[in-house]
Amino acid sequence: MALNCGTPMYAGVRGTVVASESGGRLGPAYGPWAFRIRTTGQRYDIVIGHVRTVLVRAGDVIEPHQRIALVSDAGAPDGCHLHFEVRPAAASYAEATNPRSLLDLTPSRETTR
């Protein structure tokens, strides 16, 4: 999602920040400060990429509406944006799923054409 650099990001779910070396680790394409939040109940991981000024660290319990990072273009050749990805817990990018139901977004006219 395209956003201005420096836009604050807030958690939408309760979960725990996962250690970067654990299963499902993130590569450099997500930027140097990307991180994952494992949802309570450990159903899935939410990957947050292309950020700066990360305000959470591995082991932190995250609550909805908590400020977690600022948007950046770190590791992104196409400008500032939020990389939001949903995967089963500890899975790789190859198992990512459509996050639409978590985002509660409504398609615009332009995206439905």
PDB file of N, CA and C in Angstrom:
ATOM      1  N   MET A   1       0.839  -1.158   0.000  1.00  0.00           N
ATOM      2  CA  MET A   1       0.000   0.000   0.000  1.00  0.00           C
ATOM      3  C   MET A   1       0.892   1.231   0.000  1.00  0.00           C
ATOM      4  N   ALA A   2       0.723   2.093  -0.975  1.00  0.00           N
ATOM      5  CA  ALA A   2       1.518   3.313  -1.049  1.00  0.00           C
ATOM      6  C   ALA A   2       1.136   4.247   0.096  1.00  0.00           C
ATOM      7  N   LEU A   3       2.149   4.717   0.808  1.00  0.00           N
ATOM      8  CA  LEU A   3       1.971   5.651   1.920  1.00  0.00           C
ATOM      9  C   LEU A   3       3.142   6.613   1.908  1.00  0.00           C
ATOM     10  N   ASN A   4       2.968   7.760   2.517  1.00  0.00           N
ATOM     11  CA  ASN A   4       4.063   8.715   2.630  1.00  0.00           C
ATOM     12  C   ASN A   4       5.122   8.183   3.583  1.00  0.00           C
ATOM     13  N   CYS A   5       6.383   8.459   3.270  1.00  0.00           N
ATOM     14  CA  CYS A   5       7.467   8.088   4.180  1.00  0.00           C
ATOM     15  C   CYS A   5       7.219   8.745   5.538  1.00  0.00           C
ATOM     16  N   GLY A   6       7.438   7.966   6.591  1.00  0.00           N
ATOM     17  CA  GLY A   6       7.260   8.480   7.949  1.00  0.00           C
ATOM     18  C   GLY A   6       5.865   8.293   8.501  1.00  0.00           C
ATOM     19  N   THR A   7       4.912   7.788   7.697  1.00  0.00           N
ATOM     20  CA  THR A   7       3.561   7.547   8.199  1.00  0.00           C
ATOM     21  C   THR A   7       3.616   6.535   9.343  1.00  0.00           C
ATOM     22  N   PRO A   8       2.996   6.844  10.501  1.00  0.00           N
ATOM     23  CA  PRO A   8       3.001   5.880  11.595  1.00  0.00           C
ATOM     24  C   PRO A   8       2.131   4.661  11.257  1.00  0.00           C
ATOM     25  N   MET A   9       2.584   3.506  11.714  1.00  0.00           N
ATOM     26  CA  MET A   9       1.845   2.256  11.513  1.00  0.00           C
ATOM     27  C   MET A   9       1.371   1.765  12.871  1.00  0.00           C
ATOM     28  N   TYR A  10       0.128   1.276  12.901  1.00  0.00           N
ATOM     29  CA  TYR A  10      -0.474   0.801  14.134  1.00  0.00           C
ATOM     30  C   TYR A  10      -0.914  -0.651  13.963  1.00  0.00           C
ATOM     31  N   ALA A  11      -0.778  -1.424  15.019  1.00  0.00           N
ATOM     32  CA  ALA A  11      -1.192  -2.824  14.979  1.00  0.00           C
ATOM     33  C   ALA A  11      -2.706  -2.916  14.890  1.00  0.00           C
ATOM     34  N   GLY A  12      -3.164  -3.911  14.163  1.00  0.00           N
ATOM     35  CA  GLY A  12      -4.597  -4.149  14.041  1.00  0.00           C
ATOM     36  C   GLY A  12      -5.050  -5.384  14.808  1.00  0.00           C
ATOM     37  N   VAL A  13      -4.085  -6.152  15.319  1.00  0.00           N
ATOM     38  CA  VAL A  13      -4.396  -7.393  16.035  1.00  0.00           C
ATOM     39  C   VAL A  13      -3.501  -7.507  17.261  1.00  0.00           C
ATOM     40  N   ARG A  14      -3.876  -8.416  18.148  1.00  0.00           N
ATOM     41  CA  ARG A  14      -3.013  -8.745  19.291  1.00  0.00           C
ATOM     42  C   ARG A  14      -2.089  -9.871  18.867  1.00  0.00           C
ATOM     43  N   GLY A  15      -0.830  -9.770  19.253  1.00  0.00           N
ATOM     44  CA  GLY A  15       0.128 -10.814  18.926  1.00  0.00           C
ATOM     45  C   GLY A  15       1.474 -10.538  19.566  1.00  0.00           C
ATOM     46  N   THR A  16       2.458 -11.342  19.178  1.00  0.00           N
ATOM     47  CA  THR A  16       3.804 -11.240  19.720  1.00  0.00           C
ATOM     48  C   THR A  16       4.792 -11.057  18.577  1.00  0.00           C
ATOM     49  N   VAL A  17       5.732 -10.137  18.735  1.00  0.00           N
ATOM     50  CA  VAL A  17       6.766  -9.947  17.731  1.00  0.00           C
ATOM     51  C   VAL A  17       7.663 -11.179  17.753  1.00  0.00           C
ATOM     52  N   VAL A  18       7.881 -11.751  16.564  1.00  0.00           N
ATOM     53  CA  VAL A  18       8.622 -12.998  16.420  1.00  0.00           C
ATOM     54  C   VAL A  18      10.098 -12.694  16.180  1.00  0.00           C
ATOM     55  N   ALA A  19      10.978 -13.487  16.784  1.00  0.00           N
ATOM     56  CA  ALA A  19      12.420 -13.331  16.572  1.00  0.00           C
ATOM     57  C   ALA A  19      12.755 -13.541  15.106  1.00  0.00           C
ATOM     58  N   SER A  20      13.640 -12.717  14.569  1.00  0.00           N
ATOM     59  CA  SER A  20      13.961 -12.757  13.143  1.00  0.00           C
ATOM     60  C   SER A  20      14.570 -14.082  12.715  1.00  0.00           C
ATOM     61  N   GLU A  21      15.251 -14.790  13.583  1.00  0.00           N
ATOM     62  CA  GLU A  21      15.889 -16.050  13.201  1.00  0.00           C
ATOM     63  C   GLU A  21      14.962 -17.263  13.289  1.00  0.00           C
ATOM     64  N   SER A  22      13.732 -17.074  13.710  1.00  0.00           N
ATOM     65  CA  SER A  22      12.798 -18.205  13.827  1.00  0.00           C
ATOM     66  C   SER A  22      12.272 -18.624  12.449  1.00  0.00           C
ATOM     67  N   GLY A  23      11.588 -19.742  12.390  1.00  0.00           N
ATOM     68  CA  GLY A  23      11.027 -20.250  11.144  1.00  0.00           C
ATOM     69  C   GLY A  23      10.203 -19.205  10.415  1.00  0.00           C
ATOM     70  N   GLY A  24      10.322 -19.160   9.086  1.00  0.00           N
ATOM     71  CA  GLY A  24       9.616 -18.162   8.287  1.00  0.00           C
ATOM     72  C   GLY A  24      10.357 -16.851   8.215  1.00  0.00           C
ATOM     73  N   ARG A  25      11.665 -16.881   8.470  1.00  0.00           N
ATOM     74  CA  ARG A  25      12.463 -15.645   8.515  1.00  0.00           C
ATOM     75  C   ARG A  25      12.330 -14.845   7.220  1.00  0.00           C
ATOM     76  N   LEU A  26      12.629 -13.577   7.323  1.00  0.00           N
ATOM     77  CA  LEU A  26      12.452 -12.646   6.215  1.00  0.00           C
ATOM     78  C   LEU A  26      13.786 -12.358   5.541  1.00  0.00           C
ATOM     79  N   GLY A  27      13.757 -12.248   4.233  1.00  0.00           N
ATOM     80  CA  GLY A  27      14.961 -11.927   3.474  1.00  0.00           C
ATOM     81  C   GLY A  27      15.122 -10.432   3.284  1.00  0.00           C
ATOM     82  N   PRO A  28      16.185 -10.026   2.600  1.00  0.00           N
ATOM     83  CA  PRO A  28      16.495  -8.604   2.420  1.00  0.00           C
ATOM     84  C   PRO A  28      15.486  -7.844   1.557  1.00  0.00           C
ATOM     85  N   ALA A  29      14.668  -8.532   0.787  1.00  0.00           N
ATOM     86  CA  ALA A  29      13.686  -7.853  -0.062  1.00  0.00           C
ATOM     87  C   ALA A  29      12.646  -7.087   0.752  1.00  0.00           C
ATOM     88  N   TYR A  30      12.496  -7.415   2.023  1.00  0.00           N
ATOM     89  CA  TYR A  30      11.516  -6.745   2.885  1.00  0.00           C
ATOM     90  C   TYR A  30      12.100  -5.507   3.566  1.00  0.00           C
ATOM     91  N   GLY A  31      13.393  -5.276   3.378  1.00  0.00           N
ATOM     92  CA  GLY A  31      14.073  -4.166   4.034  1.00  0.00           C
ATOM     93  C   GLY A  31      14.764  -4.649   5.295  1.00  0.00           C
ATOM     94  N   PRO A  32      15.729  -3.869   5.784  1.00  0.00           N
ATOM     95  CA  PRO A  32      16.541  -4.317   6.912  1.00  0.00           C
ATOM     96  C   PRO A  32      15.822  -4.359   8.263  1.00  0.00           C
ATOM     97  N   TRP A  33      14.687  -3.723   8.394  1.00  0.00           N
ATOM     98  CA  TRP A  33      13.990  -3.678   9.680  1.00  0.00           C
ATOM     99  C   TRP A  33      12.611  -4.339   9.639  1.00  0.00           C
ATOM    100  N   ALA A  34      12.368  -5.182   8.662  1.00  0.00           N
ATOM    101  CA  ALA A  34      11.081  -5.890   8.576  1.00  0.00           C
ATOM    102  C   ALA A  34      10.918  -6.790   9.801  1.00  0.00           C
ATOM    103  N   PHE A  35       9.676  -7.050  10.154  1.00  0.00           N
ATOM    104  CA  PHE A  35       9.414  -7.921  11.299  1.00  0.00           C
ATOM    105  C   PHE A  35       8.089  -8.645  11.121  1.00  0.00           C
ATOM    106  N   ARG A  36       7.863  -9.635  11.980  1.00  0.00           N
ATOM    107  CA  ARG A  36       6.627 -10.415  11.948  1.00  0.00           C
ATOM    108  C   ARG A  36       5.929 -10.332  13.295  1.00  0.00           C
ATOM    109  N   ILE A  37       4.626 -10.323  13.244  1.00  0.00           N
ATOM    110  CA  ILE A  37       3.801 -10.411  14.450  1.00  0.00           C
ATOM    111  C   ILE A  37       3.020 -11.712  14.353  1.00  0.00           C
ATOM    112  N   ARG A  38       3.190 -12.582  15.326  1.00  0.00           N
ATOM    113  CA  ARG A  38       2.428 -13.835  15.370  1.00  0.00           C
ATOM    114  C   ARG A  38       1.171 -13.571  16.181  1.00  0.00           C
ATOM    115  N   THR A  39       0.041 -13.796  15.564  1.00  0.00           N
ATOM    116  CA  THR A  39      -1.224 -13.491  16.224  1.00  0.00           C
ATOM    117  C   THR A  39      -1.452 -14.393  17.424  1.00  0.00           C
ATOM    118  N   THR A  40      -2.204 -13.878  18.378  1.00  0.00           N
ATOM    119  CA  THR A  40      -2.563 -14.664  19.539  1.00  0.00           C
ATOM    120  C   THR A  40      -3.297 -15.911  19.061  1.00  0.00           C
ATOM    121  N   GLY A  41      -2.959 -17.040  19.622  1.00  0.00           N
ATOM    122  CA  GLY A  41      -3.500 -18.304  19.148  1.00  0.00           C
ATOM    123  C   GLY A  41      -2.603 -18.925  18.089  1.00  0.00           C
ATOM    124  N   GLN A  42      -1.571 -18.177  17.654  1.00  0.00           N
ATOM    125  CA  GLN A  42      -0.558 -18.625  16.703  1.00  0.00           C
ATOM    126  C   GLN A  42      -1.131 -19.185  15.406  1.00  0.00           C
ATOM    127  N   ARG A  43      -2.195 -18.583  14.922  1.00  0.00           N
ATOM    128  CA  ARG A  43      -2.790 -19.013  13.661  1.00  0.00           C
ATOM    129  C   ARG A  43      -1.995 -18.529  12.462  1.00  0.00           C
ATOM    130  N   TYR A  44      -1.482 -17.301  12.521  1.00  0.00           N
ATOM    131  CA  TYR A  44      -0.766 -16.770  11.380  1.00  0.00           C
ATOM    132  C   TYR A  44       0.215 -15.691  11.804  1.00  0.00           C
ATOM    133  N   ASP A  45       1.159 -15.403  10.892  1.00  0.00           N
ATOM    134  CA  ASP A  45       2.128 -14.323  11.065  1.00  0.00           C
ATOM    135  C   ASP A  45       1.751 -13.182  10.133  1.00  0.00           C
ATOM    136  N   ILE A  46       1.882 -11.989  10.623  1.00  0.00           N
ATOM    137  CA  ILE A  46       1.712 -10.793   9.810  1.00  0.00           C
ATOM    138  C   ILE A  46       3.102 -10.217   9.584  1.00  0.00           C
ATOM    139  N   VAL A  47       3.482 -10.087   8.317  1.00  0.00           N
ATOM    140  CA  VAL A  47       4.787  -9.557   7.949  1.00  0.00           C
ATOM    141  C   VAL A  47       4.631  -8.064   7.661  1.00  0.00           C
ATOM    142  N   ILE A  48       5.480  -7.275   8.293  1.00  0.00           N
ATOM    143  CA  ILE A  48       5.497  -5.836   8.080  1.00  0.00           C
ATOM    144  C   ILE A  48       6.867  -5.493   7.496  1.00  0.00           C
ATOM    145  N   GLY A  49       6.892  -4.952   6.280  1.00  0.00           N
ATOM    146  CA  GLY A  49       8.159  -4.657   5.630  1.00  0.00           C
ATOM    147  C   GLY A  49       8.248  -3.226   5.151  1.00  0.00           C
ATOM    148  N   HIS A  50       9.461  -2.818   4.785  1.00  0.00           N
ATOM    149  CA  HIS A  50       9.777  -1.481   4.276  1.00  0.00           C
ATOM    150  C   HIS A  50       9.437  -0.422   5.324  1.00  0.00           C
ATOM    151  N   VAL A  51      10.019  -0.612   6.502  1.00  0.00           N
ATOM    152  CA  VAL A  51       9.773   0.293   7.624  1.00  0.00           C
ATOM    153  C   VAL A  51      11.088   0.905   8.104  1.00  0.00           C
ATOM    154  N   ARG A  52      10.952   1.905   8.937  1.00  0.00           N
ATOM    155  CA  ARG A  52      12.077   2.489   9.670  1.00  0.00           C
ATOM    156  C   ARG A  52      11.568   2.782  11.077  1.00  0.00           C
ATOM    157  N   THR A  53      12.437   3.139  11.958  1.00  0.00           N
ATOM    158  CA  THR A  53      12.071   3.464  13.329  1.00  0.00           C
ATOM    159  C   THR A  53      11.082   2.439  13.879  1.00  0.00           C
ATOM    160  N   VAL A  54      11.517   1.210  13.964  1.00  0.00           N
ATOM    161  CA  VAL A  54      10.682   0.142  14.519  1.00  0.00           C
ATOM    162  C   VAL A  54      10.560   0.353  16.017  1.00  0.00           C
ATOM    163  N   LEU A  55       9.341   0.332  16.512  1.00  0.00           N
ATOM    164  CA  LEU A  55       9.070   0.647  17.916  1.00  0.00           C
ATOM    165  C   LEU A  55       8.795  -0.597  18.757  1.00  0.00           C
ATOM    166  N   VAL A  56       8.999  -1.772  18.180  1.00  0.00           N
ATOM    167  CA  VAL A  56       8.785  -3.037  18.887  1.00  0.00           C
ATOM    168  C   VAL A  56      10.006  -3.929  18.672  1.00  0.00           C
ATOM    169  N   ARG A  57      10.125  -4.957  19.486  1.00  0.00           N
ATOM    170  CA  ARG A  57      11.227  -5.901  19.313  1.00  0.00           C
ATOM    171  C   ARG A  57      10.751  -7.310  19.642  1.00  0.00           C
ATOM    172  N   ALA A  58      11.559  -8.292  19.256  1.00  0.00           N
ATOM    173  CA  ALA A  58      11.204  -9.694  19.454  1.00  0.00           C
ATOM    174  C   ALA A  58      10.791  -9.945  20.904  1.00  0.00           C
ATOM    175  N   GLY A  59       9.667 -10.644  21.040  1.00  0.00           N
ATOM    176  CA  GLY A  59       9.134 -10.960  22.365  1.00  0.00           C
ATOM    177  C   GLY A  59       8.084  -9.999  22.868  1.00  0.00           C
ATOM    178  N   ASP A  60       8.014  -8.798  22.294  1.00  0.00           N
ATOM    179  CA  ASP A  60       7.007  -7.822  22.730  1.00  0.00           C
ATOM    180  C   ASP A  60       5.608  -8.310  22.377  1.00  0.00           C
ATOM    181  N   VAL A  61       4.677  -8.137  23.312  1.00  0.00           N
ATOM    182  CA  VAL A  61       3.268  -8.403  23.034  1.00  0.00           C
ATOM    183  C   VAL A  61       2.669  -7.116  22.490  1.00  0.00           C
ATOM    184  N   ILE A  62       2.029  -7.216  21.325  1.00  0.00           N
ATOM    185  CA  ILE A  62       1.457  -6.074  20.618  1.00  0.00           C
ATOM    186  C   ILE A  62      -0.053  -6.073  20.820  1.00  0.00           C
ATOM    187  N   GLU A  63      -0.592  -4.917  21.076  1.00  0.00           N
ATOM    188  CA  GLU A  63      -2.039  -4.753  21.233  1.00  0.00           C
ATOM    189  C   GLU A  63      -2.583  -3.943  20.051  1.00  0.00           C
ATOM    190  N   PRO A  64      -3.852  -4.173  19.695  1.00  0.00           N
ATOM    191  CA  PRO A  64      -4.448  -3.358  18.634  1.00  0.00           C
ATOM    192  C   PRO A  64      -4.311  -1.865  18.944  1.00  0.00           C
ATOM    193  N   HIS A  65      -4.073  -1.080  17.922  1.00  0.00           N
ATOM    194  CA  HIS A  65      -3.935   0.377  17.979  1.00  0.00           C
ATOM    195  C   HIS A  65      -2.590   0.831  18.544  1.00  0.00           C
ATOM    196  N   GLN A  66      -1.687  -0.111  18.849  1.00  0.00           N
ATOM    197  CA  GLN A  66      -0.354   0.256  19.336  1.00  0.00           C
ATOM    198  C   GLN A  66       0.510   0.677  18.156  1.00  0.00           C
ATOM    199  N   ARG A  67       1.211   1.786  18.305  1.00  0.00           N
ATOM    200  CA  ARG A  67       2.126   2.243  17.246  1.00  0.00           C
ATOM    201  C   ARG A  67       3.330   1.303  17.204  1.00  0.00           C
ATOM    202  N   ILE A  68       3.639   0.772  15.999  1.00  0.00           N
ATOM    203  CA  ILE A  68       4.672  -0.251  15.897  1.00  0.00           C
ATOM    204  C   ILE A  68       5.872   0.162  15.039  1.00  0.00           C
ATOM    205  N   ALA A  69       5.707   1.085  14.102  1.00  0.00           N
ATOM    206  CA  ALA A  69       6.807   1.479  13.210  1.00  0.00           C
ATOM    207  C   ALA A  69       6.389   2.684  12.371  1.00  0.00           C
ATOM    208  N   LEU A  70       7.339   3.147  11.555  1.00  0.00           N
ATOM    209  CA  LEU A  70       7.078   4.202  10.585  1.00  0.00           C
ATOM    210  C   LEU A  70       7.356   3.663   9.187  1.00  0.00           C
ATOM    211  N   VAL A  71       6.543   4.049   8.231  1.00  0.00           N
ATOM    212  CA  VAL A  71       6.681   3.612   6.842  1.00  0.00           C
ATOM    213  C   VAL A  71       7.948   4.199   6.238  1.00  0.00           C
ATOM    214  N   SER A  72       8.571   3.432   5.342  1.00  0.00           N
ATOM    215  CA  SER A  72       9.807   3.830   4.694  1.00  0.00           C
ATOM    216  C   SER A  72       9.869   3.229   3.300  1.00  0.00           C
ATOM    217  N   ASP A  73      10.982   3.472   2.633  1.00  0.00           N
ATOM    218  CA  ASP A  73      11.237   2.811   1.360  1.00  0.00           C
ATOM    219  C   ASP A  73      12.443   1.873   1.486  1.00  0.00           C
ATOM    220  N   ALA A  74      12.812   1.507   2.714  1.00  0.00           N
ATOM    221  CA  ALA A  74      13.959   0.636   2.965  1.00  0.00           C
ATOM    222  C   ALA A  74      13.774  -0.699   2.246  1.00  0.00           C
ATOM    223  N   GLY A  75      14.692  -1.014   1.355  1.00  0.00           N
ATOM    224  CA  GLY A  75      14.628  -2.267   0.607  1.00  0.00           C
ATOM    225  C   GLY A  75      13.617  -2.256  -0.524  1.00  0.00           C
ATOM    226  N   ALA A  76      13.008  -1.119  -0.803  1.00  0.00           N
ATOM    227  CA  ALA A  76      11.960  -1.041  -1.822  1.00  0.00           C
ATOM    228  C   ALA A  76      12.399  -0.131  -2.963  1.00  0.00           C
ATOM    229  N   PRO A  77      12.458  -0.632  -4.181  1.00  0.00           N
ATOM    230  CA  PRO A  77      12.876   0.208  -5.304  1.00  0.00           C
ATOM    231  C   PRO A  77      11.783   1.136  -5.814  1.00  0.00           C
ATOM    232  N   ASP A  78      10.574   0.988  -5.304  1.00  0.00           N
ATOM    233  CA  ASP A  78       9.443   1.726  -5.865  1.00  0.00           C
ATOM    234  C   ASP A  78       8.816   2.721  -4.893  1.00  0.00           C
ATOM    235  N   GLY A  79       9.570   3.248  -3.963  1.00  0.00           N
ATOM    236  CA  GLY A  79       9.072   4.299  -3.085  1.00  0.00           C
ATOM    237  C   GLY A  79       8.484   3.791  -1.785  1.00  0.00           C
ATOM    238  N   CYS A  80       8.079   4.743  -0.951  1.00  0.00           N
ATOM    239  CA  CYS A  80       7.541   4.426   0.374  1.00  0.00           C
ATOM    240  C   CYS A  80       6.212   3.701   0.269  1.00  0.00           C
ATOM    241  N   HIS A  81       6.122   2.635   1.002  1.00  0.00           N
ATOM    242  CA  HIS A  81       4.868   1.880   1.065  1.00  0.00           C
ATOM    243  C   HIS A  81       4.929   0.883   2.215  1.00  0.00           C
ATOM    244  N   LEU A  82       3.794   0.362   2.562  1.00  0.00           N
ATOM    245  CA  LEU A  82       3.685  -0.684   3.570  1.00  0.00           C
ATOM    246  C   LEU A  82       3.623  -2.024   2.863  1.00  0.00           C
ATOM    247  N   HIS A  83       4.486  -2.936   3.256  1.00  0.00           N
ATOM    248  CA  HIS A  83       4.393  -4.318   2.792  1.00  0.00           C
ATOM    249  C   HIS A  83       3.697  -5.064   3.913  1.00  0.00           C
ATOM    250  N   PHE A  84       2.490  -5.514   3.654  1.00  0.00           N
ATOM    251  CA  PHE A  84       1.660  -6.226   4.625  1.00  0.00           C
ATOM    252  C   PHE A  84       1.377  -7.594   4.030  1.00  0.00           C
ATOM    253  N   GLU A  85       1.834  -8.622   4.703  1.00  0.00           N
ATOM    254  CA  GLU A  85       1.706  -9.986   4.187  1.00  0.00           C
ATOM    255  C   GLU A  85       1.207 -10.878   5.312  1.00  0.00           C
ATOM    256  N   VAL A  86       0.354 -11.837   4.977  1.00  0.00           N
ATOM    257  CA  VAL A  86      -0.160 -12.791   5.957  1.00  0.00           C
ATOM    258  C   VAL A  86       0.268 -14.183   5.539  1.00  0.00           C
ATOM    259  N   ARG A  87       0.821 -14.912   6.507  1.00  0.00           N
ATOM    260  CA  ARG A  87       1.270 -16.284   6.277  1.00  0.00           C
ATOM    261  C   ARG A  87       0.795 -17.161   7.428  1.00  0.00           C
ATOM    262  N   PRO A  88       0.654 -18.462   7.199  1.00  0.00           N
ATOM    263  CA  PRO A  88       0.470 -19.353   8.352  1.00  0.00           C
ATOM    264  C   PRO A  88       1.675 -19.186   9.283  1.00  0.00           C
ATOM    265  N   ALA A  89       1.506 -19.411  10.564  1.00  0.00           N
ATOM    266  CA  ALA A  89       2.595 -19.232  11.533  1.00  0.00           C
ATOM    267  C   ALA A  89       3.846 -19.991  11.105  1.00  0.00           C
ATOM    268  N   ALA A  90       4.986 -19.298  11.097  1.00  0.00           N
ATOM    269  CA  ALA A  90       6.315 -19.838  10.779  1.00  0.00           C
ATOM    270  C   ALA A  90       6.469 -20.309   9.332  1.00  0.00           C
ATOM    271  N   ALA A  91       5.564 -19.922   8.452  1.00  0.00           N
ATOM    272  CA  ALA A  91       5.634 -20.346   7.044  1.00  0.00           C
ATOM    273  C   ALA A  91       6.467 -19.361   6.222  1.00  0.00           C
ATOM    274  N   SER A  92       6.796 -19.772   5.004  1.00  0.00           N
ATOM    275  CA  SER A  92       7.584 -18.921   4.116  1.00  0.00           C
ATOM    276  C   SER A  92       6.668 -18.058   3.247  1.00  0.00           C
ATOM    277  N   TYR A  93       7.286 -17.166   2.473  1.00  0.00           N
ATOM    278  CA  TYR A  93       6.518 -16.289   1.580  1.00  0.00           C
ATOM    279  C   TYR A  93       5.703 -17.079   0.565  1.00  0.00           C
ATOM    280  N   ALA A  94       6.139 -18.278   0.228  1.00  0.00           N
ATOM    281  CA  ALA A  94       5.426 -19.101  -0.755  1.00  0.00           C
ATOM    282  C   ALA A  94       4.045 -19.522  -0.257  1.00  0.00           C
ATOM    283  N   GLU A  95       3.816 -19.431   1.035  1.00  0.00           N
ATOM    284  CA  GLU A  95       2.530 -19.824   1.611  1.00  0.00           C
ATOM    285  C   GLU A  95       1.673 -18.625   2.028  1.00  0.00           C
ATOM    286  N   ALA A  96       2.069 -17.434   1.614  1.00  0.00           N
ATOM    287  CA  ALA A  96       1.309 -16.232   1.965  1.00  0.00           C
ATOM    288  C   ALA A  96      -0.118 -16.328   1.447  1.00  0.00           C
ATOM    289  N   THR A  97      -1.040 -15.723   2.169  1.00  0.00           N
ATOM    290  CA  THR A  97      -2.453 -15.762   1.814  1.00  0.00           C
ATOM    291  C   THR A  97      -2.972 -14.344   1.567  1.00  0.00           C
ATOM    292  N   ASN A  98      -4.146 -14.253   0.998  1.00  0.00           N
ATOM    293  CA  ASN A  98      -4.756 -12.960   0.723  1.00  0.00           C
ATOM    294  C   ASN A  98      -5.155 -12.294   2.045  1.00  0.00           C
ATOM    295  N   PRO A  99      -4.638 -11.093   2.331  1.00  0.00           N
ATOM    296  CA  PRO A  99      -4.927 -10.437   3.610  1.00  0.00           C
ATOM    297  C   PRO A  99      -6.211  -9.614   3.623  1.00  0.00           C
ATOM    298  N   ARG A 100      -6.965  -9.629   2.555  1.00  0.00           N
ATOM    299  CA  ARG A 100      -8.124  -8.730   2.440  1.00  0.00           C
ATOM    300  C   ARG A 100      -9.065  -8.797   3.642  1.00  0.00           C
ATOM    301  N   SER A 101      -9.361  -9.996   4.148  1.00  0.00           N
ATOM    302  CA  SER A 101     -10.310 -10.101   5.265  1.00  0.00           C
ATOM    303  C   SER A 101      -9.755  -9.449   6.531  1.00  0.00           C
ATOM    304  N   LEU A 102      -8.448  -9.465   6.729  1.00  0.00           N
ATOM    305  CA  LEU A 102      -7.860  -8.813   7.898  1.00  0.00           C
ATOM    306  C   LEU A 102      -7.844  -7.309   7.761  1.00  0.00           C
ATOM    307  N   LEU A 103      -7.689  -6.824   6.553  1.00  0.00           N
ATOM    308  CA  LEU A 103      -7.609  -5.387   6.326  1.00  0.00           C
ATOM    309  C   LEU A 103      -8.969  -4.710   6.305  1.00  0.00           C
ATOM    310  N   ASP A 104     -10.013  -5.477   6.078  1.00  0.00           N
ATOM    311  CA  ASP A 104     -11.366  -4.926   6.028  1.00  0.00           C
ATOM    312  C   ASP A 104     -11.462  -3.780   5.017  1.00  0.00           C
ATOM    313  N   LEU A 105     -10.915  -4.030   3.819  1.00  0.00           N
ATOM    314  CA  LEU A 105     -10.931  -3.030   2.753  1.00  0.00           C
ATOM    315  C   LEU A 105     -12.072  -3.287   1.790  1.00  0.00           C
ATOM    316  N   THR A 106     -12.533  -2.226   1.165  1.00  0.00           N
ATOM    317  CA  THR A 106     -13.532  -2.326   0.119  1.00  0.00           C
ATOM    318  C   THR A 106     -12.865  -1.930  -1.193  1.00  0.00           C
ATOM    319  N   PRO A 107     -12.942  -2.779  -2.222  1.00  0.00           N
ATOM    320  CA  PRO A 107     -12.302  -2.418  -3.496  1.00  0.00           C
ATOM    321  C   PRO A 107     -12.881  -1.126  -4.059  1.00  0.00           C
ATOM    322  N   SER A 108     -12.024  -0.307  -4.648  1.00  0.00           N
ATOM    323  CA  SER A 108     -12.496   0.912  -5.289  1.00  0.00           C
ATOM    324  C   SER A 108     -12.956   0.574  -6.692  1.00  0.00           C
ATOM    325  N   ARG A 109     -13.597   1.511  -7.354  1.00  0.00           N
ATOM    326  CA  ARG A 109     -14.049   1.303  -8.728  1.00  0.00           C
ATOM    327  C   ARG A 109     -12.892   0.926  -9.640  1.00  0.00           C
ATOM    328  N   GLU A 110     -11.737   1.596  -9.427  1.00  0.00           N
ATOM    329  CA  GLU A 110     -10.577   1.366 -10.286  1.00  0.00           C
ATOM    330  C   GLU A 110     -10.064  -0.055 -10.165  1.00  0.00           C
ATOM    331  N   THR A 111     -10.110  -0.660  -8.969  1.00  0.00           N
ATOM    332  CA  THR A 111      -9.570  -2.003  -8.790  1.00  0.00           C
ATOM    333  C   THR A 111     -10.527  -3.082  -9.239  1.00  0.00           C
ATOM    334  N   THR A 112     -11.780  -2.755  -9.466  1.00  0.00           N
ATOM    335  CA  THR A 112     -12.746  -3.780  -9.877  1.00  0.00           C
ATOM    336  C   THR A 112     -12.942  -3.826 -11.380  1.00  0.00           C
ATOM    337  N   ARG A 113     -12.286  -2.958 -12.114  1.00  0.00           N
ATOM    338  CA  ARG A 113     -12.432  -2.942 -13.573  1.00  0.00           C
ATOM    339  C   ARG A 113     -11.564  -3.974 -14.228  1.00  0.00           C
TER     340      ARG A 113
END
